[in-house]
Amino acid sequence: MFTLFNTESLWIGTDLKKFNEIRDILDREGICYKYKVSDQLGLWMGKGTVRGNFGSIGNSPDQFKQYEILVEKKQLENARMVIRK
């Protein structure tokens, strides 16, 4: 069972292609995982969001979202091994 206390972060990044490749590998190997997606420009800062306060000019659209894949602590080493292959 996934809880906050028994999961570890396997991968964090902004590359959607890599994110999906890792998820495919974990699915194929039967390793359970959860993922989080956060919008970096949607974070609140002061009177509004980062995008609202500063705009998004000069920021690559590929860098707007951050992806994180979480696995159970007992599966972490196994998950690391299968994504390195």
PDB file of N, CA and C in Angstrom:
ATOM      1  N   MET A   1       0.836  -1.165   0.000  1.00  0.00           N
ATOM      2  CA  MET A   1       0.000   0.000   0.000  1.00  0.00           C
ATOM      3  C   MET A   1       0.894   1.246   0.000  1.00  0.00           C
ATOM      4  N   PHE A   2       0.543   2.190  -0.853  1.00  0.00           N
ATOM      5  CA  PHE A   2       1.308   3.430  -0.929  1.00  0.00           C
ATOM      6  C   PHE A   2       0.866   4.398   0.154  1.00  0.00           C
ATOM      7  N   THR A   3       1.823   4.865   0.916  1.00  0.00           N
ATOM      8  CA  THR A   3       1.577   5.945   1.876  1.00  0.00           C
ATOM      9  C   THR A   3       2.743   6.908   1.784  1.00  0.00           C
ATOM     10  N   LEU A   4       2.594   8.032   2.395  1.00  0.00           N
ATOM     11  CA  LEU A   4       3.655   9.040   2.395  1.00  0.00           C
ATOM     12  C   LEU A   4       4.931   8.505   3.031  1.00  0.00           C
ATOM     13  N   PHE A   5       4.785   7.613   3.995  1.00  0.00           N
ATOM     14  CA  PHE A   5       5.930   7.148   4.769  1.00  0.00           C
ATOM     15  C   PHE A   5       6.676   5.963   4.155  1.00  0.00           C
ATOM     16  N   ASN A   6       6.080   5.269   3.197  1.00  0.00           N
ATOM     17  CA  ASN A   6       6.771   4.105   2.638  1.00  0.00           C
ATOM     18  C   ASN A   6       7.113   4.271   1.154  1.00  0.00           C
ATOM     19  N   THR A   7       7.146   5.497   0.656  1.00  0.00           N
ATOM     20  CA  THR A   7       7.516   5.718  -0.743  1.00  0.00           C
ATOM     21  C   THR A   7       8.796   6.544  -0.837  1.00  0.00           C
ATOM     22  N   GLU A   8       9.492   6.330  -1.933  1.00  0.00           N
ATOM     23  CA  GLU A   8      10.701   7.092  -2.240  1.00  0.00           C
ATOM     24  C   GLU A   8      10.595   7.582  -3.673  1.00  0.00           C
ATOM     25  N   SER A   9      11.230   8.692  -3.935  1.00  0.00           N
ATOM     26  CA  SER A   9      11.255   9.245  -5.274  1.00  0.00           C
ATOM     27  C   SER A   9      12.263   8.475  -6.124  1.00  0.00           C
ATOM     28  N   LEU A  10      11.802   7.938  -7.236  1.00  0.00           N
ATOM     29  CA  LEU A  10      12.666   7.212  -8.156  1.00  0.00           C
ATOM     30  C   LEU A  10      13.276   8.166  -9.184  1.00  0.00           C
ATOM     31  N   TRP A  11      12.474   9.107  -9.663  1.00  0.00           N
ATOM     32  CA  TRP A  11      12.941  10.013 -10.719  1.00  0.00           C
ATOM     33  C   TRP A  11      12.169  11.319 -10.625  1.00  0.00           C
ATOM     34  N   ILE A  12      12.864  12.440 -10.818  1.00  0.00           N
ATOM     35  CA  ILE A  12      12.254  13.764 -10.898  1.00  0.00           C
ATOM     36  C   ILE A  12      12.863  14.458 -12.106  1.00  0.00           C
ATOM     37  N   GLY A  13      12.028  15.033 -12.946  1.00  0.00           N
ATOM     38  CA  GLY A  13      12.551  15.741 -14.108  1.00  0.00           C
ATOM     39  C   GLY A  13      11.470  16.475 -14.866  1.00  0.00           C
ATOM     40  N   THR A  14      11.872  17.114 -15.962  1.00  0.00           N
ATOM     41  CA  THR A  14      10.932  17.885 -16.785  1.00  0.00           C
ATOM     42  C   THR A  14      10.757  17.292 -18.173  1.00  0.00           C
ATOM     43  N   ASP A  15      11.405  16.176 -18.442  1.00  0.00           N
ATOM     44  CA  ASP A  15      11.350  15.543 -19.764  1.00  0.00           C
ATOM     45  C   ASP A  15      10.175  14.561 -19.825  1.00  0.00           C
ATOM     46  N   LEU A  16       9.117  14.957 -20.560  1.00  0.00           N
ATOM     47  CA  LEU A  16       7.916  14.133 -20.658  1.00  0.00           C
ATOM     48  C   LEU A  16       8.203  12.791 -21.327  1.00  0.00           C
ATOM     49  N   LYS A  17       9.063  12.785 -22.329  1.00  0.00           N
ATOM     50  CA  LYS A  17       9.393  11.535 -23.019  1.00  0.00           C
ATOM     51  C   LYS A  17      10.072  10.549 -22.062  1.00  0.00           C
ATOM     52  N   LYS A  18      11.037  11.012 -21.297  1.00  0.00           N
ATOM     53  CA  LYS A  18      11.738  10.160 -20.321  1.00  0.00           C
ATOM     54  C   LYS A  18      10.764   9.674 -19.241  1.00  0.00           C
ATOM     55  N   PHE A  19       9.896  10.556 -18.794  1.00  0.00           N
ATOM     56  CA  PHE A  19       8.872  10.222 -17.804  1.00  0.00           C
ATOM     57  C   PHE A  19       8.021   9.046 -18.292  1.00  0.00           C
ATOM     58  N   ASN A  20       7.562   9.129 -19.525  1.00  0.00           N
ATOM     59  CA  ASN A  20       6.730   8.061 -20.080  1.00  0.00           C
ATOM     60  C   ASN A  20       7.519   6.777 -20.321  1.00  0.00           C
ATOM     61  N   GLU A  21       8.782   6.896 -20.712  1.00  0.00           N
ATOM     62  CA  GLU A  21       9.622   5.706 -20.894  1.00  0.00           C
ATOM     63  C   GLU A  21       9.791   4.949 -19.570  1.00  0.00           C
ATOM     64  N   ILE A  22      10.056   5.675 -18.495  1.00  0.00           N
ATOM     65  CA  ILE A  22      10.227   5.041 -17.184  1.00  0.00           C
ATOM     66  C   ILE A  22       8.934   4.381 -16.741  1.00  0.00           C
ATOM     67  N   ARG A  23       7.813   5.062 -16.944  1.00  0.00           N
ATOM     68  CA  ARG A  23       6.520   4.479 -16.570  1.00  0.00           C
ATOM     69  C   ARG A  23       6.242   3.207 -17.362  1.00  0.00           C
ATOM     70  N   ASP A  24       6.576   3.197 -18.642  1.00  0.00           N
ATOM     71  CA  ASP A  24       6.387   1.994 -19.467  1.00  0.00           C
ATOM     72  C   ASP A  24       7.227   0.835 -18.950  1.00  0.00           C
ATOM     73  N   ILE A  25       8.474   1.108 -18.589  1.00  0.00           N
ATOM     74  CA  ILE A  25       9.365   0.068 -18.056  1.00  0.00           C
ATOM     75  C   ILE A  25       8.807  -0.493 -16.751  1.00  0.00           C
ATOM     76  N   LEU A  26       8.373   0.385 -15.855  1.00  0.00           N
ATOM     77  CA  LEU A  26       7.825  -0.064 -14.578  1.00  0.00           C
ATOM     78  C   LEU A  26       6.557  -0.897 -14.785  1.00  0.00           C
ATOM     79  N   ASP A  27       5.713  -0.487 -15.719  1.00  0.00           N
ATOM     80  CA  ASP A  27       4.510  -1.268 -16.034  1.00  0.00           C
ATOM     81  C   ASP A  27       4.885  -2.654 -16.550  1.00  0.00           C
ATOM     82  N   ARG A  28       5.840  -2.678 -17.463  1.00  0.00           N
ATOM     83  CA  ARG A  28       6.267  -3.946 -18.061  1.00  0.00           C
ATOM     84  C   ARG A  28       6.854  -4.894 -17.007  1.00  0.00           C
ATOM     85  N   GLU A  29       7.571  -4.348 -16.032  1.00  0.00           N
ATOM     86  CA  GLU A  29       8.207  -5.149 -14.990  1.00  0.00           C
ATOM     87  C   GLU A  29       7.278  -5.448 -13.812  1.00  0.00           C
ATOM     88  N   GLY A  30       6.088  -4.880 -13.831  1.00  0.00           N
ATOM     89  CA  GLY A  30       5.127  -5.137 -12.756  1.00  0.00           C
ATOM     90  C   GLY A  30       5.435  -4.424 -11.456  1.00  0.00           C
ATOM     91  N   ILE A  31       6.136  -3.299 -11.538  1.00  0.00           N
ATOM     92  CA  ILE A  31       6.478  -2.520 -10.344  1.00  0.00           C
ATOM     93  C   ILE A  31       5.433  -1.417 -10.172  1.00  0.00           C
ATOM     94  N   CYS A  32       4.781  -1.398  -9.018  1.00  0.00           N
ATOM     95  CA  CYS A  32       3.765  -0.384  -8.737  1.00  0.00           C
ATOM     96  C   CYS A  32       4.427   0.971  -8.496  1.00  0.00           C
ATOM     97  N   TYR A  33       3.778   2.006  -8.964  1.00  0.00           N
ATOM     98  CA  TYR A  33       4.311   3.353  -8.800  1.00  0.00           C
ATOM     99  C   TYR A  33       3.176   4.359  -8.754  1.00  0.00           C
ATOM    100  N   LYS A  34       3.487   5.537  -8.298  1.00  0.00           N
ATOM    101  CA  LYS A  34       2.611   6.699  -8.362  1.00  0.00           C
ATOM    102  C   LYS A  34       3.422   7.816  -9.002  1.00  0.00           C
ATOM    103  N   TYR A  35       2.726   8.811  -9.488  1.00  0.00           N
ATOM    104  CA  TYR A  35       3.453   9.949 -10.043  1.00  0.00           C
ATOM    105  C   TYR A  35       2.760  11.246  -9.668  1.00  0.00           C
ATOM    106  N   LYS A  36       3.555  12.306  -9.697  1.00  0.00           N
ATOM    107  CA  LYS A  36       3.065  13.657  -9.425  1.00  0.00           C
ATOM    108  C   LYS A  36       3.494  14.542 -10.576  1.00  0.00           C
ATOM    109  N   VAL A  37       2.637  15.476 -10.935  1.00  0.00           N
ATOM    110  CA  VAL A  37       2.966  16.470 -11.955  1.00  0.00           C
ATOM    111  C   VAL A  37       2.692  17.835 -11.340  1.00  0.00           C
ATOM    112  N   SER A  38       3.681  18.706 -11.373  1.00  0.00           N
ATOM    113  CA  SER A  38       3.465  20.051 -10.835  1.00  0.00           C
ATOM    114  C   SER A  38       3.857  21.090 -11.880  1.00  0.00           C
ATOM    115  N   ASP A  39       3.044  22.135 -11.957  1.00  0.00           N
ATOM    116  CA  ASP A  39       3.265  23.232 -12.895  1.00  0.00           C
ATOM    117  C   ASP A  39       4.103  24.283 -12.181  1.00  0.00           C
ATOM    118  N   GLN A  40       5.338  24.436 -12.597  1.00  0.00           N
ATOM    119  CA  GLN A  40       6.265  25.341 -11.920  1.00  0.00           C
ATOM    120  C   GLN A  40       5.848  26.806 -12.027  1.00  0.00           C
ATOM    121  N   LEU A  41       5.212  27.195 -13.123  1.00  0.00           N
ATOM    122  CA  LEU A  41       4.795  28.592 -13.265  1.00  0.00           C
ATOM    123  C   LEU A  41       3.454  28.854 -12.608  1.00  0.00           C
ATOM    124  N   GLY A  42       2.775  27.793 -12.165  1.00  0.00           N
ATOM    125  CA  GLY A  42       1.492  27.954 -11.496  1.00  0.00           C
ATOM    126  C   GLY A  42       1.617  28.080  -9.987  1.00  0.00           C
ATOM    127  N   LEU A  43       2.833  28.070  -9.482  1.00  0.00           N
ATOM    128  CA  LEU A  43       3.038  28.200  -8.037  1.00  0.00           C
ATOM    129  C   LEU A  43       2.664  29.604  -7.570  1.00  0.00           C
ATOM    130  N   TRP A  44       2.035  29.696  -6.414  1.00  0.00           N
ATOM    131  CA  TRP A  44       1.639  30.988  -5.872  1.00  0.00           C
ATOM    132  C   TRP A  44       2.825  31.699  -5.244  1.00  0.00           C
ATOM    133  N   MET A  45       2.897  32.998  -5.540  1.00  0.00           N
ATOM    134  CA  MET A  45       3.994  33.811  -5.023  1.00  0.00           C
ATOM    135  C   MET A  45       3.462  35.226  -4.815  1.00  0.00           C
ATOM    136  N   GLY A  46       3.394  35.649  -3.588  1.00  0.00           N
ATOM    137  CA  GLY A  46       2.897  37.005  -3.322  1.00  0.00           C
ATOM    138  C   GLY A  46       1.427  37.143  -3.660  1.00  0.00           C
ATOM    139  N   LYS A  47       1.106  38.038  -4.579  1.00  0.00           N
ATOM    140  CA  LYS A  47      -0.281  38.330  -4.924  1.00  0.00           C
ATOM    141  C   LYS A  47      -0.831  37.470  -6.056  1.00  0.00           C
ATOM    142  N   GLY A  48      -0.033  36.562  -6.572  1.00  0.00           N
ATOM    143  CA  GLY A  48      -0.511  35.721  -7.662  1.00  0.00           C
ATOM    144  C   GLY A  48       0.490  34.626  -7.973  1.00  0.00           C
ATOM    145  N   THR A  49       0.319  34.008  -9.124  1.00  0.00           N
ATOM    146  CA  THR A  49       1.220  32.935  -9.522  1.00  0.00           C
ATOM    147  C   THR A  49       2.512  33.509 -10.091  1.00  0.00           C
ATOM    148  N   VAL A  50       3.494  32.663 -10.225  1.00  0.00           N
ATOM    149  CA  VAL A  50       4.771  33.071 -10.820  1.00  0.00           C
ATOM    150  C   VAL A  50       4.517  33.603 -12.230  1.00  0.00           C
ATOM    151  N   ARG A  51       3.703  32.885 -12.999  1.00  0.00           N
ATOM    152  CA  ARG A  51       3.401  33.319 -14.363  1.00  0.00           C
ATOM    153  C   ARG A  51       2.688  34.671 -14.348  1.00  0.00           C
ATOM    154  N   GLY A  52       1.774  34.866 -13.404  1.00  0.00           N
ATOM    155  CA  GLY A  52       1.035  36.130 -13.314  1.00  0.00           C
ATOM    156  C   GLY A  52       1.918  37.291 -12.919  1.00  0.00           C
ATOM    157  N   ASN A  53       2.886  37.041 -12.056  1.00  0.00           N
ATOM    158  CA  ASN A  53       3.763  38.115 -11.590  1.00  0.00           C
ATOM    159  C   ASN A  53       4.883  38.441 -12.568  1.00  0.00           C
ATOM    160  N   PHE A  54       5.430  37.426 -13.200  1.00  0.00           N
ATOM    161  CA  PHE A  54       6.617  37.644 -14.029  1.00  0.00           C
ATOM    162  C   PHE A  54       6.429  37.286 -15.497  1.00  0.00           C
ATOM    163  N   GLY A  55       5.341  36.620 -15.838  1.00  0.00           N
ATOM    164  CA  GLY A  55       5.124  36.182 -17.205  1.00  0.00           C
ATOM    165  C   GLY A  55       5.908  34.927 -17.506  1.00  0.00           C
ATOM    166  N   SER A  56       5.799  34.457 -18.735  1.00  0.00           N
ATOM    167  CA  SER A  56       6.503  33.228 -19.110  1.00  0.00           C
ATOM    168  C   SER A  56       7.460  33.433 -20.278  1.00  0.00           C
ATOM    169  N   ILE A  57       7.722  34.681 -20.619  1.00  0.00           N
ATOM    170  CA  ILE A  57       8.644  34.968 -21.712  1.00  0.00           C
ATOM    171  C   ILE A  57      10.046  34.496 -21.326  1.00  0.00           C
ATOM    172  N   GLY A  58      10.681  33.787 -22.224  1.00  0.00           N
ATOM    173  CA  GLY A  58      12.031  33.300 -21.983  1.00  0.00           C
ATOM    174  C   GLY A  58      12.078  31.931 -21.343  1.00  0.00           C
ATOM    175  N   ASN A  59      10.939  31.418 -20.926  1.00  0.00           N
ATOM    176  CA  ASN A  59      10.888  30.080 -20.337  1.00  0.00           C
ATOM    177  C   ASN A  59      10.506  29.070 -21.416  1.00  0.00           C
ATOM    178  N   SER A  60      11.253  28.006 -21.497  1.00  0.00           N
ATOM    179  CA  SER A  60      10.956  26.951 -22.460  1.00  0.00           C
ATOM    180  C   SER A  60       9.671  26.233 -22.052  1.00  0.00           C
ATOM    181  N   PRO A  61       8.751  26.006 -22.984  1.00  0.00           N
ATOM    182  CA  PRO A  61       7.519  25.272 -22.648  1.00  0.00           C
ATOM    183  C   PRO A  61       7.799  23.869 -22.106  1.00  0.00           C
ATOM    184  N   ASP A  62       8.943  23.292 -22.466  1.00  0.00           N
ATOM    185  CA  ASP A  62       9.304  21.968 -21.972  1.00  0.00           C
ATOM    186  C   ASP A  62       9.638  21.985 -20.483  1.00  0.00           C
ATOM    187  N   GLN A  63       9.913  23.153 -19.929  1.00  0.00           N
ATOM    188  CA  GLN A  63      10.317  23.266 -18.538  1.00  0.00           C
ATOM    189  C   GLN A  63       9.177  23.686 -17.608  1.00  0.00           C
ATOM    190  N   PHE A  64       7.965  23.859 -18.130  1.00  0.00           N
ATOM    191  CA  PHE A  64       6.845  24.317 -17.319  1.00  0.00           C
ATOM    192  C   PHE A  64       6.411  23.285 -16.289  1.00  0.00           C
ATOM    193  N   LYS A  65       6.444  22.020 -16.649  1.00  0.00           N
ATOM    194  CA  LYS A  65       5.948  20.970 -15.760  1.00  0.00           C
ATOM    195  C   LYS A  65       7.095  20.136 -15.213  1.00  0.00           C
ATOM    196  N   GLN A  66       6.966  19.744 -13.950  1.00  0.00           N
ATOM    197  CA  GLN A  66       7.950  18.866 -13.317  1.00  0.00           C
ATOM    198  C   GLN A  66       7.238  17.558 -12.976  1.00  0.00           C
ATOM    199  N   TYR A  67       7.862  16.448 -13.342  1.00  0.00           N
ATOM    200  CA  TYR A  67       7.293  15.120 -13.144  1.00  0.00           C
ATOM    201  C   TYR A  67       8.101  14.380 -12.084  1.00  0.00           C
ATOM    202  N   GLU A  68       7.398  13.620 -11.247  1.00  0.00           N
ATOM    203  CA  GLU A  68       8.061  12.818 -10.217  1.00  0.00           C
ATOM    204  C   GLU A  68       7.416  11.441 -10.189  1.00  0.00           C
ATOM    205  N   ILE A  69       8.250  10.404 -10.161  1.00  0.00           N
ATOM    206  CA  ILE A  69       7.769   9.030 -10.070  1.00  0.00           C
ATOM    207  C   ILE A  69       8.169   8.486  -8.703  1.00  0.00           C
ATOM    208  N   LEU A  70       7.196   7.950  -7.980  1.00  0.00           N
ATOM    209  CA  LEU A  70       7.405   7.416  -6.635  1.00  0.00           C
ATOM    210  C   LEU A  70       7.159   5.913  -6.631  1.00  0.00           C
ATOM    211  N   VAL A  71       7.997   5.177  -5.918  1.00  0.00           N
ATOM    212  CA  VAL A  71       7.815   3.736  -5.739  1.00  0.00           C
ATOM    213  C   VAL A  71       7.927   3.412  -4.251  1.00  0.00           C
ATOM    214  N   GLU A  72       7.445   2.230  -3.876  1.00  0.00           N
ATOM    215  CA  GLU A  72       7.583   1.800  -2.490  1.00  0.00           C
ATOM    216  C   GLU A  72       9.060   1.629  -2.167  1.00  0.00           C
ATOM    217  N   LYS A  73       9.428   1.914  -0.917  1.00  0.00           N
ATOM    218  CA  LYS A  73      10.834   1.815  -0.503  1.00  0.00           C
ATOM    219  C   LYS A  73      11.402   0.428  -0.761  1.00  0.00           C
ATOM    220  N   LYS A  74      10.612  -0.610  -0.520  1.00  0.00           N
ATOM    221  CA  LYS A  74      11.112  -1.968  -0.705  1.00  0.00           C
ATOM    222  C   LYS A  74      11.315  -2.315  -2.181  1.00  0.00           C
ATOM    223  N   GLN A  75      10.735  -1.550  -3.088  1.00  0.00           N
ATOM    224  CA  GLN A  75      10.882  -1.780  -4.531  1.00  0.00           C
ATOM    225  C   GLN A  75      11.902  -0.838  -5.176  1.00  0.00           C
ATOM    226  N   LEU A  76      12.447   0.095  -4.406  1.00  0.00           N
ATOM    227  CA  LEU A  76      13.294   1.149  -4.967  1.00  0.00           C
ATOM    228  C   LEU A  76      14.522   0.607  -5.691  1.00  0.00           C
ATOM    229  N   GLU A  77      15.277  -0.272  -5.060  1.00  0.00           N
ATOM    230  CA  GLU A  77      16.495  -0.798  -5.701  1.00  0.00           C
ATOM    231  C   GLU A  77      16.165  -1.578  -6.969  1.00  0.00           C
ATOM    232  N   ASN A  78      15.123  -2.381  -6.916  1.00  0.00           N
ATOM    233  CA  ASN A  78      14.695  -3.140  -8.096  1.00  0.00           C
ATOM    234  C   ASN A  78      14.290  -2.189  -9.222  1.00  0.00           C
ATOM    235  N   ALA A  79      13.543  -1.139  -8.891  1.00  0.00           N
ATOM    236  CA  ALA A  79      13.107  -0.157  -9.885  1.00  0.00           C
ATOM    237  C   ALA A  79      14.300   0.559 -10.501  1.00  0.00           C
ATOM    238  N   ARG A  80      15.280   0.911  -9.690  1.00  0.00           N
ATOM    239  CA  ARG A  80      16.492   1.571 -10.204  1.00  0.00           C
ATOM    240  C   ARG A  80      17.234   0.664 -11.191  1.00  0.00           C
ATOM    241  N   MET A  81      17.293  -0.624 -10.851  1.00  0.00           N
ATOM    242  CA  MET A  81      17.996  -1.566 -11.731  1.00  0.00           C
ATOM    243  C   MET A  81      17.297  -1.701 -13.086  1.00  0.00           C
ATOM    244  N   VAL A  82      15.976  -1.805 -13.089  1.00  0.00           N
ATOM    245  CA  VAL A  82      15.285  -2.021 -14.356  1.00  0.00           C
ATOM    246  C   VAL A  82      15.269  -0.787 -15.249  1.00  0.00           C
ATOM    247  N   ILE A  83      15.315   0.422 -14.668  1.00  0.00           N
ATOM    248  CA  ILE A  83      15.323   1.597 -15.543  1.00  0.00           C
ATOM    249  C   ILE A  83      16.730   1.888 -16.078  1.00  0.00           C
ATOM    250  N   ARG A  84      17.762   1.279 -15.509  1.00  0.00           N
ATOM    251  CA  ARG A  84      19.139   1.472 -16.010  1.00  0.00           C
ATOM    252  C   ARG A  84      19.438   0.595 -17.211  1.00  0.00           C
ATOM    253  N   LYS A  85      18.682  -0.469 -17.392  1.00  0.00           N
ATOM    254  CA  LYS A  85      18.970  -1.420 -18.485  1.00  0.00           C
ATOM    255  C   LYS A  85      18.914  -0.773 -19.842  1.00  0.00           C
TER     256      LYS A  85
END
